[in-house]
PDB file of N, CA and C in Angstrom:
ATOM      1  N   UNK A   1      72.654 113.162  40.697  1.00  0.00           N
ATOM      2  CA  UNK A   1      73.780 112.797  40.367  1.00  0.00           C
ATOM      3  C   UNK A   1      74.235 111.385  41.032  1.00  0.00           C
ATOM      4  N   UNK A   2      74.535 110.232  40.181  1.00  0.00           N
ATOM      5  CA  UNK A   2      74.753 109.028  40.881  1.00  0.00           C
ATOM      6  C   UNK A   2      76.203 108.880  41.489  1.00  0.00           C
ATOM      7  N   UNK A   3      76.345 108.284  42.581  1.00  0.00           N
ATOM      8  CA  UNK A   3      77.632 108.129  42.983  1.00  0.00           C
ATOM      9  C   UNK A   3      78.076 106.629  42.945  1.00  0.00           C
ATOM     10  N   UNK A   4      79.359 106.557  42.672  1.00  0.00           N
ATOM     11  CA  UNK A   4      79.967 105.168  42.384  1.00  0.00           C
ATOM     12  C   UNK A   4      79.804 104.247  43.785  1.00  0.00           C
ATOM     13  N   UNK A   5      79.355 103.087  43.682  1.00  0.00           N
ATOM     14  CA  UNK A   5      79.424 102.229  44.684  1.00  0.00           C
ATOM     15  C   UNK A   5      80.713 101.571  44.751  1.00  0.00           C
ATOM     16  N   UNK A   6      80.998 101.008  45.838  1.00  0.00           N
ATOM     17  CA  UNK A   6      82.268 100.273  46.183  1.00  0.00           C
ATOM     18  C   UNK A   6      81.967  98.840  46.076  1.00  0.00           C
ATOM     19  N   UNK A   7      82.766  98.017  45.375  1.00  0.00           N
ATOM     20  CA  UNK A   7      82.546  96.672  45.194  1.00  0.00           C
ATOM     21  C   UNK A   7      83.311  96.024  46.134  1.00  0.00           C
ATOM     22  N   UNK A   8      82.762  95.257  47.150  1.00  0.00           N
ATOM     23  CA  UNK A   8      83.531  94.532  48.133  1.00  0.00           C
ATOM     24  C   UNK A   8      82.544  93.459  48.575  1.00  0.00           C
ATOM     25  N   UNK A   9      83.043  92.187  48.547  1.00  0.00           N
ATOM     26  CA  UNK A   9      82.277  91.084  49.097  1.00  0.00           C
ATOM     27  C   UNK A   9      83.038  90.436  50.104  1.00  0.00           C
ATOM     28  N   UNK A  10      82.465  90.185  51.268  1.00  0.00           N
ATOM     29  CA  UNK A  10      83.049  89.690  52.566  1.00  0.00           C
ATOM     30  C   UNK A  10      82.490  88.268  52.851  1.00  0.00           C
ATOM     31  N   UNK A  11      83.259  87.369  53.109  1.00  0.00           N
ATOM     32  CA  UNK A  11      82.770  86.116  53.547  1.00  0.00           C
ATOM     33  C   UNK A  11      82.111  86.125  54.834  1.00  0.00           C
ATOM     34  N   UNK A  12      81.254  85.380  55.261  1.00  0.00           N
ATOM     35  CA  UNK A  12      80.526  85.572  56.659  1.00  0.00           C
ATOM     36  C   UNK A  12      81.557  85.518  57.807  1.00  0.00           C
ATOM     37  N   UNK A  13      82.640  84.692  57.693  1.00  0.00           N
ATOM     38  CA  UNK A  13      83.448  84.680  58.923  1.00  0.00           C
ATOM     39  C   UNK A  13      84.059  85.987  59.045  1.00  0.00           C
ATOM     40  N   UNK A  14      84.622  86.634  57.762  1.00  0.00           N
ATOM     41  CA  UNK A  14      85.382  87.876  57.856  1.00  0.00           C
ATOM     42  C   UNK A  14      84.432  88.885  58.301  1.00  0.00           C
ATOM     43  N   UNK A  15      83.220  88.943  58.083  1.00  0.00           N
ATOM     44  CA  UNK A  15      82.226  89.903  58.112  1.00  0.00           C
ATOM     45  C   UNK A  15      82.032  89.862  59.793  1.00  0.00           C
ATOM     46  N   UNK A  16      82.088  88.622  60.449  1.00  0.00           N
ATOM     47  CA  UNK A  16      81.854  88.558  61.828  1.00  0.00           C
ATOM     48  C   UNK A  16      83.022  88.983  62.536  1.00  0.00           C
ATOM     49  N   UNK A  17      84.311  88.685  61.971  1.00  0.00           N
ATOM     50  CA  UNK A  17      85.490  89.111  62.787  1.00  0.00           C
ATOM     51  C   UNK A  17      85.662  90.636  62.712  1.00  0.00           C
ATOM     52  N   UNK A  18      85.124  91.327  61.615  1.00  0.00           N
ATOM     53  CA  UNK A  18      85.227  92.680  61.369  1.00  0.00           C
ATOM     54  C   UNK A  18      84.324  93.444  62.321  1.00  0.00           C
ATOM     55  N   UNK A  19      83.075  92.806  62.406  1.00  0.00           N
ATOM     56  CA  UNK A  19      81.871  93.341  63.296  1.00  0.00           C
ATOM     57  C   UNK A  19      82.487  93.197  64.881  1.00  0.00           C
ATOM     58  N   UNK A  20      83.025  92.007  65.212  1.00  0.00           N
ATOM     59  CA  UNK A  20      83.543  91.979  66.558  1.00  0.00           C
ATOM     60  C   UNK A  20      84.601  92.916  66.844  1.00  0.00           C
ATOM     61  N   UNK A  21      85.521  93.099  65.872  1.00  0.00           N
ATOM     62  CA  UNK A  21      86.721  94.194  66.154  1.00  0.00           C
ATOM     63  C   UNK A  21      86.119  95.487  66.129  1.00  0.00           C
ATOM     64  N   UNK A  22      85.013  95.732  65.499  1.00  0.00           N
ATOM     65  CA  UNK A  22      84.280  97.059  65.454  1.00  0.00           C
ATOM     66  C   UNK A  22      83.828  97.361  67.084  1.00  0.00           C
ATOM     67  N   UNK A  23      83.278  96.410  67.656  1.00  0.00           N
ATOM     68  CA  UNK A  23      82.653  96.414  68.900  1.00  0.00           C
ATOM     69  C   UNK A  23      83.649  96.595  70.007  1.00  0.00           C
ATOM     70  N   UNK A  24      84.775  95.707  69.953  1.00  0.00           N
ATOM     71  CA  UNK A  24      85.668  95.533  71.005  1.00  0.00           C
ATOM     72  C   UNK A  24      86.598  96.840  71.041  1.00  0.00           C
ATOM     73  N   UNK A  25      87.000  97.384  69.755  1.00  0.00           N
ATOM     74  CA  UNK A  25      88.107  98.394  69.664  1.00  0.00           C
ATOM     75  C   UNK A  25      87.676  99.714  70.492  1.00  0.00           C
ATOM     76  N   UNK A  26      88.745 100.366  71.109  1.00  0.00           N
ATOM     77  CA  UNK A  26      88.640 101.509  71.757  1.00  0.00           C
ATOM     78  C   UNK A  26      89.071 102.550  71.035  1.00  0.00           C
ATOM     79  N   UNK A  27      89.821 102.271  69.725  1.00  0.00           N
ATOM     80  CA  UNK A  27      90.563 103.229  68.827  1.00  0.00           C
ATOM     81  C   UNK A  27      89.412 103.839  67.863  1.00  0.00           C
ATOM     82  N   UNK A  28      89.253 105.047  67.760  1.00  0.00           N
ATOM     83  CA  UNK A  28      88.209 105.529  66.803  1.00  0.00           C
ATOM     84  C   UNK A  28      88.686 105.166  65.391  1.00  0.00           C
ATOM     85  N   UNK A  29      89.971 105.392  65.021  1.00  0.00           N
ATOM     86  CA  UNK A  29      90.370 105.036  63.685  1.00  0.00           C
ATOM     87  C   UNK A  29      89.941 103.542  63.374  1.00  0.00           C
ATOM     88  N   UNK A  30      90.210 102.754  64.102  1.00  0.00           N
ATOM     89  CA  UNK A  30      90.040 101.365  63.834  1.00  0.00           C
ATOM     90  C   UNK A  30      88.534 101.089  63.519  1.00  0.00           C
ATOM     91  N   UNK A  31      87.690 101.725  64.506  1.00  0.00           N
ATOM     92  CA  UNK A  31      86.341 101.647  64.453  1.00  0.00           C
ATOM     93  C   UNK A  31      85.905 101.947  63.214  1.00  0.00           C
ATOM     94  N   UNK A  32      86.077 103.444  62.663  1.00  0.00           N
ATOM     95  CA  UNK A  32      85.843 103.987  61.437  1.00  0.00           C
ATOM     96  C   UNK A  32      85.986 103.071  60.391  1.00  0.00           C
ATOM     97  N   UNK A  33      87.319 102.486  60.197  1.00  0.00           N
ATOM     98  CA  UNK A  33      87.915 101.783  59.325  1.00  0.00           C
ATOM     99  C   UNK A  33      87.078 100.419  59.093  1.00  0.00           C
ATOM    100  N   UNK A  34      86.697  99.921  60.387  1.00  0.00           N
ATOM    101  CA  UNK A  34      85.714  98.528  60.228  1.00  0.00           C
ATOM    102  C   UNK A  34      84.299  98.992  59.801  1.00  0.00           C
ATOM    103  N   UNK A  35      83.868  99.999  60.309  1.00  0.00           N
ATOM    104  CA  UNK A  35      82.502 100.613  59.603  1.00  0.00           C
ATOM    105  C   UNK A  35      82.593 100.808  58.270  1.00  0.00           C
ATOM    106  N   UNK A  36      83.492 101.209  57.522  1.00  0.00           N
ATOM    107  CA  UNK A  36      83.630 101.767  56.362  1.00  0.00           C
ATOM    108  C   UNK A  36      83.642 100.548  55.430  1.00  0.00           C
ATOM    109  N   UNK A  37      84.427  99.342  56.009  1.00  0.00           N
ATOM    110  CA  UNK A  37      84.439  98.017  55.216  1.00  0.00           C
ATOM    111  C   UNK A  37      83.058  97.603  55.299  1.00  0.00           C
ATOM    112  N   UNK A  38      82.559  97.518  56.547  1.00  0.00           N
ATOM    113  CA  UNK A  38      81.230  96.591  56.689  1.00  0.00           C
ATOM    114  C   UNK A  38      80.175  97.507  55.714  1.00  0.00           C
ATOM    115  N   UNK A  39      80.051  98.806  55.570  1.00  0.00           N
ATOM    116  CA  UNK A  39      79.200  99.564  54.782  1.00  0.00           C
ATOM    117  C   UNK A  39      79.623  99.204  53.294  1.00  0.00           C
ATOM    118  N   UNK A  40      80.875  99.077  52.895  1.00  0.00           N
ATOM    119  CA  UNK A  40      81.117  98.689  51.369  1.00  0.00           C
ATOM    120  C   UNK A  40      80.527  97.417  51.213  1.00  0.00           C
ATOM    121  N   UNK A  41      80.642  96.574  51.934  1.00  0.00           N
ATOM    122  CA  UNK A  41      79.968  95.109  51.959  1.00  0.00           C
ATOM    123  C   UNK A  41      78.536  95.142  51.766  1.00  0.00           C
ATOM    124  N   UNK A  42      78.041  96.089  52.273  1.00  0.00           N
ATOM    125  CA  UNK A  42      76.481  96.315  52.038  1.00  0.00           C
ATOM    126  C   UNK A  42      76.161  97.008  50.629  1.00  0.00           C
ATOM    127  N   UNK A  43      77.048  97.468  50.044  1.00  0.00           N
ATOM    128  CA  UNK A  43      76.861  98.107  48.736  1.00  0.00           C
ATOM    129  C   UNK A  43      76.637  99.616  48.944  1.00  0.00           C
ATOM    130  N   UNK A  44      76.740 100.315  49.801  1.00  0.00           N
ATOM    131  CA  UNK A  44      76.649 101.688  50.154  1.00  0.00           C
ATOM    132  C   UNK A  44      77.705 102.569  49.420  1.00  0.00           C
ATOM    133  N   UNK A  45      77.128 103.506  48.793  1.00  0.00           N
ATOM    134  CA  UNK A  45      78.094 104.462  48.142  1.00  0.00           C
ATOM    135  C   UNK A  45      79.024 105.166  48.969  1.00  0.00           C
ATOM    136  N   UNK A  46      80.365 105.559  48.128  1.00  0.00           N
ATOM    137  CA  UNK A  46      81.464 106.480  48.914  1.00  0.00           C
ATOM    138  C   UNK A  46      80.813 107.496  49.669  1.00  0.00           C
ATOM    139  N   UNK A  47      80.040 108.299  49.017  1.00  0.00           N
ATOM    140  CA  UNK A  47      79.549 109.706  49.629  1.00  0.00           C
ATOM    141  C   UNK A  47      78.472 109.223  50.766  1.00  0.00           C
ATOM    142  N   UNK A  48      77.760 108.282  50.712  1.00  0.00           N
ATOM    143  CA  UNK A  48      76.760 107.976  51.807  1.00  0.00           C
ATOM    144  C   UNK A  48      77.563 107.492  53.106  1.00  0.00           C
ATOM    145  N   UNK A  49      78.564 106.670  52.635  1.00  0.00           N
ATOM    146  CA  UNK A  49      79.341 106.135  53.816  1.00  0.00           C
ATOM    147  C   UNK A  49      80.032 107.388  54.477  1.00  0.00           C
ATOM    148  N   UNK A  50      80.521 108.109  53.630  1.00  0.00           N
ATOM    149  CA  UNK A  50      81.478 109.343  54.130  1.00  0.00           C
ATOM    150  C   UNK A  50      80.522 110.255  55.048  1.00  0.00           C
ATOM    151  N   UNK A  51      79.324 110.563  54.495  1.00  0.00           N
ATOM    152  CA  UNK A  51      78.287 111.310  55.257  1.00  0.00           C
ATOM    153  C   UNK A  51      78.100 110.814  56.605  1.00  0.00           C
ATOM    154  N   UNK A  52      77.921 109.368  56.598  1.00  0.00           N
ATOM    155  CA  UNK A  52      77.208 108.680  57.701  1.00  0.00           C
ATOM    156  C   UNK A  52      78.383 108.643  58.726  1.00  0.00           C
ATOM    157  N   UNK A  53      79.610 108.681  58.425  1.00  0.00           N
ATOM    158  CA  UNK A  53      80.857 108.398  59.419  1.00  0.00           C
ATOM    159  C   UNK A  53      81.514 109.724  59.468  1.00  0.00           C
ATOM    160  N   UNK A  54      81.129 110.729  58.904  1.00  0.00           N
ATOM    161  CA  UNK A  54      81.583 112.035  59.136  1.00  0.00           C
ATOM    162  C   UNK A  54      83.076 112.106  58.794  1.00  0.00           C
ATOM    163  N   UNK A  55      83.399 111.798  57.595  1.00  0.00           N
ATOM    164  CA  UNK A  55      84.722 111.714  57.082  1.00  0.00           C
ATOM    165  C   UNK A  55      84.672 112.019  55.606  1.00  0.00           C
ATOM    166  N   UNK A  56      85.806 112.081  54.943  1.00  0.00           N
ATOM    167  CA  UNK A  56      85.560 112.537  53.560  1.00  0.00           C
ATOM    168  C   UNK A  56      85.601 111.082  52.721  1.00  0.00           C
ATOM    169  N   UNK A  57      85.063 111.414  51.562  1.00  0.00           N
ATOM    170  CA  UNK A  57      84.883 110.214  50.514  1.00  0.00           C
ATOM    171  C   UNK A  57      86.414 109.547  50.035  1.00  0.00           C
ATOM    172  N   UNK A  58      87.424 110.359  49.940  1.00  0.00           N
ATOM    173  CA  UNK A  58      88.719 110.039  49.867  1.00  0.00           C
ATOM    174  C   UNK A  58      89.197 108.966  51.069  1.00  0.00           C
ATOM    175  N   UNK A  59      88.678 109.236  52.335  1.00  0.00           N
ATOM    176  CA  UNK A  59      89.175 108.348  53.242  1.00  0.00           C
ATOM    177  C   UNK A  59      88.478 107.116  53.161  1.00  0.00           C
ATOM    178  N   UNK A  60      87.252 106.982  52.848  1.00  0.00           N
ATOM    179  CA  UNK A  60      86.463 105.760  52.332  1.00  0.00           C
ATOM    180  C   UNK A  60      87.141 104.990  51.126  1.00  0.00           C
ATOM    181  N   UNK A  61      87.581 105.833  50.175  1.00  0.00           N
ATOM    182  CA  UNK A  61      88.358 104.972  48.955  1.00  0.00           C
ATOM    183  C   UNK A  61      89.725 104.531  49.406  1.00  0.00           C
ATOM    184  N   UNK A  62      90.573 105.057  50.154  1.00  0.00           N
ATOM    185  CA  UNK A  62      91.742 104.859  50.788  1.00  0.00           C
ATOM    186  C   UNK A  62      91.792 103.533  51.436  1.00  0.00           C
ATOM    187  N   UNK A  63      90.517 103.558  52.420  1.00  0.00           N
ATOM    188  CA  UNK A  63      90.490 102.426  53.393  1.00  0.00           C
ATOM    189  C   UNK A  63      89.935 101.096  52.619  1.00  0.00           C
ATOM    190  N   UNK A  64      89.263 101.344  51.698  1.00  0.00           N
ATOM    191  CA  UNK A  64      88.805 100.141  50.916  1.00  0.00           C
ATOM    192  C   UNK A  64      89.821  99.645  50.153  1.00  0.00           C
ATOM    193  N   UNK A  65      90.761 100.495  49.550  1.00  0.00           N
ATOM    194  CA  UNK A  65      91.759 100.061  48.609  1.00  0.00           C
ATOM    195  C   UNK A  65      92.888  99.447  49.603  1.00  0.00           C
ATOM    196  N   UNK A  66      93.189 100.101  50.797  1.00  0.00           N
ATOM    197  CA  UNK A  66      94.137  99.163  51.579  1.00  0.00           C
ATOM    198  C   UNK A  66      93.550  97.964  52.256  1.00  0.00           C
ATOM    199  N   UNK A  67      92.181  97.860  52.337  1.00  0.00           N
ATOM    200  CA  UNK A  67      91.639  96.584  52.706  1.00  0.00           C
ATOM    201  C   UNK A  67      91.769  95.519  51.647  1.00  0.00           C
ATOM    202  N   UNK A  68      91.660  95.838  50.407  1.00  0.00           N
ATOM    203  CA  UNK A  68      91.850  95.118  49.180  1.00  0.00           C
ATOM    204  C   UNK A  68      93.181  94.568  49.259  1.00  0.00           C
ATOM    205  N   UNK A  69      94.149  95.276  49.502  1.00  0.00           N
ATOM    206  CA  UNK A  69      95.527  95.071  49.401  1.00  0.00           C
ATOM    207  C   UNK A  69      96.075  94.331  50.651  1.00  0.00           C
ATOM    208  N   UNK A  70      95.794  94.529  51.712  1.00  0.00           N
ATOM    209  CA  UNK A  70      96.315  93.914  53.143  1.00  0.00           C
ATOM    210  C   UNK A  70      95.458  93.227  53.830  1.00  0.00           C
ATOM    211  N   UNK A  71      94.165  93.138  53.440  1.00  0.00           N
ATOM    212  CA  UNK A  71      93.151  92.429  54.116  1.00  0.00           C
ATOM    213  C   UNK A  71      92.866  93.129  55.623  1.00  0.00           C
ATOM    214  N   UNK A  72      92.393  92.367  56.477  1.00  0.00           N
ATOM    215  CA  UNK A  72      91.957  92.818  57.853  1.00  0.00           C
ATOM    216  C   UNK A  72      93.043  93.355  58.548  1.00  0.00           C
ATOM    217  N   UNK A  73      94.412  93.371  58.160  1.00  0.00           N
ATOM    218  CA  UNK A  73      95.380  94.054  58.925  1.00  0.00           C
ATOM    219  C   UNK A  73      95.329  95.536  58.698  1.00  0.00           C
ATOM    220  N   UNK A  74      94.758  95.797  57.575  1.00  0.00           N
ATOM    221  CA  UNK A  74      94.787  97.243  57.342  1.00  0.00           C
ATOM    222  C   UNK A  74      93.647  97.884  58.107  1.00  0.00           C
ATOM    223  N   UNK A  75      92.942  97.304  58.856  1.00  0.00           N
ATOM    224  CA  UNK A  75      91.890  98.172  59.602  1.00  0.00           C
ATOM    225  C   UNK A  75      92.300  98.409  60.900  1.00  0.00           C
ATOM    226  N   UNK A  76      93.441  97.836  61.463  1.00  0.00           N
ATOM    227  CA  UNK A  76      94.102  98.114  62.643  1.00  0.00           C
ATOM    228  C   UNK A  76      95.242  99.170  62.551  1.00  0.00           C
ATOM    229  N   UNK A  77      94.988 100.353  63.323  1.00  0.00           N
ATOM    230  CA  UNK A  77      95.934 101.450  63.188  1.00  0.00           C
ATOM    231  C   UNK A  77      97.347 100.861  63.753  1.00  0.00           C
ATOM    232  N   UNK A  78      98.361 101.498  62.956  1.00  0.00           N
ATOM    233  CA  UNK A  78      99.680 101.009  63.482  1.00  0.00           C
ATOM    234  C   UNK A  78     100.198 102.158  64.165  1.00  0.00           C
ATOM    235  N   UNK A  79     101.121 101.805  65.205  1.00  0.00           N
ATOM    236  CA  UNK A  79     101.822 102.871  66.056  1.00  0.00           C
ATOM    237  C   UNK A  79     102.754 103.430  65.136  1.00  0.00           C
ATOM    238  N   UNK A  80     102.481 105.028  65.411  1.00  0.00           N
ATOM    239  CA  UNK A  80     103.464 105.866  64.647  1.00  0.00           C
ATOM    240  C   UNK A  80     104.931 105.857  65.530  1.00  0.00           C
ATOM    241  N   UNK A  81     106.061 105.682  64.786  1.00  0.00           N
ATOM    242  CA  UNK A  81     107.385 105.796  65.631  1.00  0.00           C
ATOM    243  C   UNK A  81     107.529 107.182  66.322  1.00  0.00           C
ATOM    244  N   UNK A  82     106.892 108.271  66.158  1.00  0.00           N
ATOM    245  CA  UNK A  82     106.919 109.441  66.800  1.00  0.00           C
ATOM    246  C   UNK A  82     108.491 110.089  66.945  1.00  0.00           C
ATOM    247  N   UNK A  83     108.488 111.095  67.718  1.00  0.00           N
ATOM    248  CA  UNK A  83     109.738 111.827  67.822  1.00  0.00           C
ATOM    249  C   UNK A  83     110.679 111.200  68.807  1.00  0.00           C
ATOM    250  N   UNK A  84     111.920 111.011  68.671  1.00  0.00           N
ATOM    251  CA  UNK A  84     112.662 110.282  69.766  1.00  0.00           C
ATOM    252  C   UNK A  84     112.831 111.056  71.130  1.00  0.00           C
ATOM    253  N   UNK A  85     113.116 110.401  72.024  1.00  0.00           N
ATOM    254  CA  UNK A  85     113.076 111.139  73.381  1.00  0.00           C
ATOM    255  C   UNK A  85     114.111 112.070  73.533  1.00  0.00           C
ATOM    256  N   UNK A  86     113.858 113.212  74.215  1.00  0.00           N
ATOM    257  CA  UNK A  86     115.098 114.280  74.350  1.00  0.00           C
ATOM    258  C   UNK A  86     116.028 113.691  75.464  1.00  0.00           C
ATOM    259  N   UNK A  87     115.694 112.907  76.375  1.00  0.00           N
ATOM    260  CA  UNK A  87     116.421 112.387  77.425  1.00  0.00           C
ATOM    261  C   UNK A  87     116.331 110.859  77.508  1.00  0.00           C
ATOM    262  N   UNK A  88     117.325 110.160  77.137  1.00  0.00           N
ATOM    263  CA  UNK A  88     117.376 108.784  77.310  1.00  0.00           C
ATOM    264  C   UNK A  88     118.192 108.256  78.437  1.00  0.00           C
ATOM    265  N   UNK A  89     117.563 107.798  79.700  1.00  0.00           N
ATOM    266  CA  UNK A  89     118.278 107.365  80.822  1.00  0.00           C
ATOM    267  C   UNK A  89     119.184 106.259  80.572  1.00  0.00           C
ATOM    268  N   UNK A  90     118.914 105.614  79.425  1.00  0.00           N
ATOM    269  CA  UNK A  90     119.639 104.252  79.281  1.00  0.00           C
ATOM    270  C   UNK A  90     121.129 104.743  78.918  1.00  0.00           C
ATOM    271  N   UNK A  91     121.059 105.562  78.004  1.00  0.00           N
ATOM    272  CA  UNK A  91     122.339 105.925  77.409  1.00  0.00           C
ATOM    273  C   UNK A  91     122.993 107.327  78.113  1.00  0.00           C
ATOM    274  N   UNK A  92     122.292 107.917  78.902  1.00  0.00           N
ATOM    275  CA  UNK A  92     122.621 109.101  79.710  1.00  0.00           C
ATOM    276  C   UNK A  92     122.966 110.221  78.792  1.00  0.00           C
ATOM    277  N   UNK A  93     122.340 110.166  77.726  1.00  0.00           N
ATOM    278  CA  UNK A  93     122.401 111.600  76.835  1.00  0.00           C
ATOM    279  C   UNK A  93     121.242 112.294  76.783  1.00  0.00           C
ATOM    280  N   UNK A  94     121.339 113.446  76.458  1.00  0.00           N
ATOM    281  CA  UNK A  94     120.311 114.363  76.592  1.00  0.00           C
ATOM    282  C   UNK A  94     120.634 115.925  76.328  1.00  0.00           C
ATOM    283  N   UNK A  95     119.560 116.600  76.373  1.00  0.00           N
ATOM    284  CA  UNK A  95     119.874 118.058  76.195  1.00  0.00           C
ATOM    285  C   UNK A  95     120.024 118.809  77.356  1.00  0.00           C
ATOM    286  N   UNK A  96     121.109 119.692  77.416  1.00  0.00           N
ATOM    287  CA  UNK A  96     121.056 120.460  78.562  1.00  0.00           C
ATOM    288  C   UNK A  96     122.087 119.891  79.762  1.00  0.00           C
TER     289      UNK A  96
END
């Protein structure tokens, strides 16, 4: 069964920036996203990339799609807003 290859062509400068980001980051999600994009640039298939990085093929597809739409900004994980604090010392509000 032939797997669809991802079409992605990076310029040399962009490839170097992504390689550097991949080496410097301590965030595993950012690292994985960088690796996905670098492997896609080499022409590796979705399934081969997913197997090599221990993720699902849909993760590879979503990452490449986000990279096409947002560029390098899509590689960095955004901070989640999370749950608001139960006790806010600035307002004096809280539970209890």
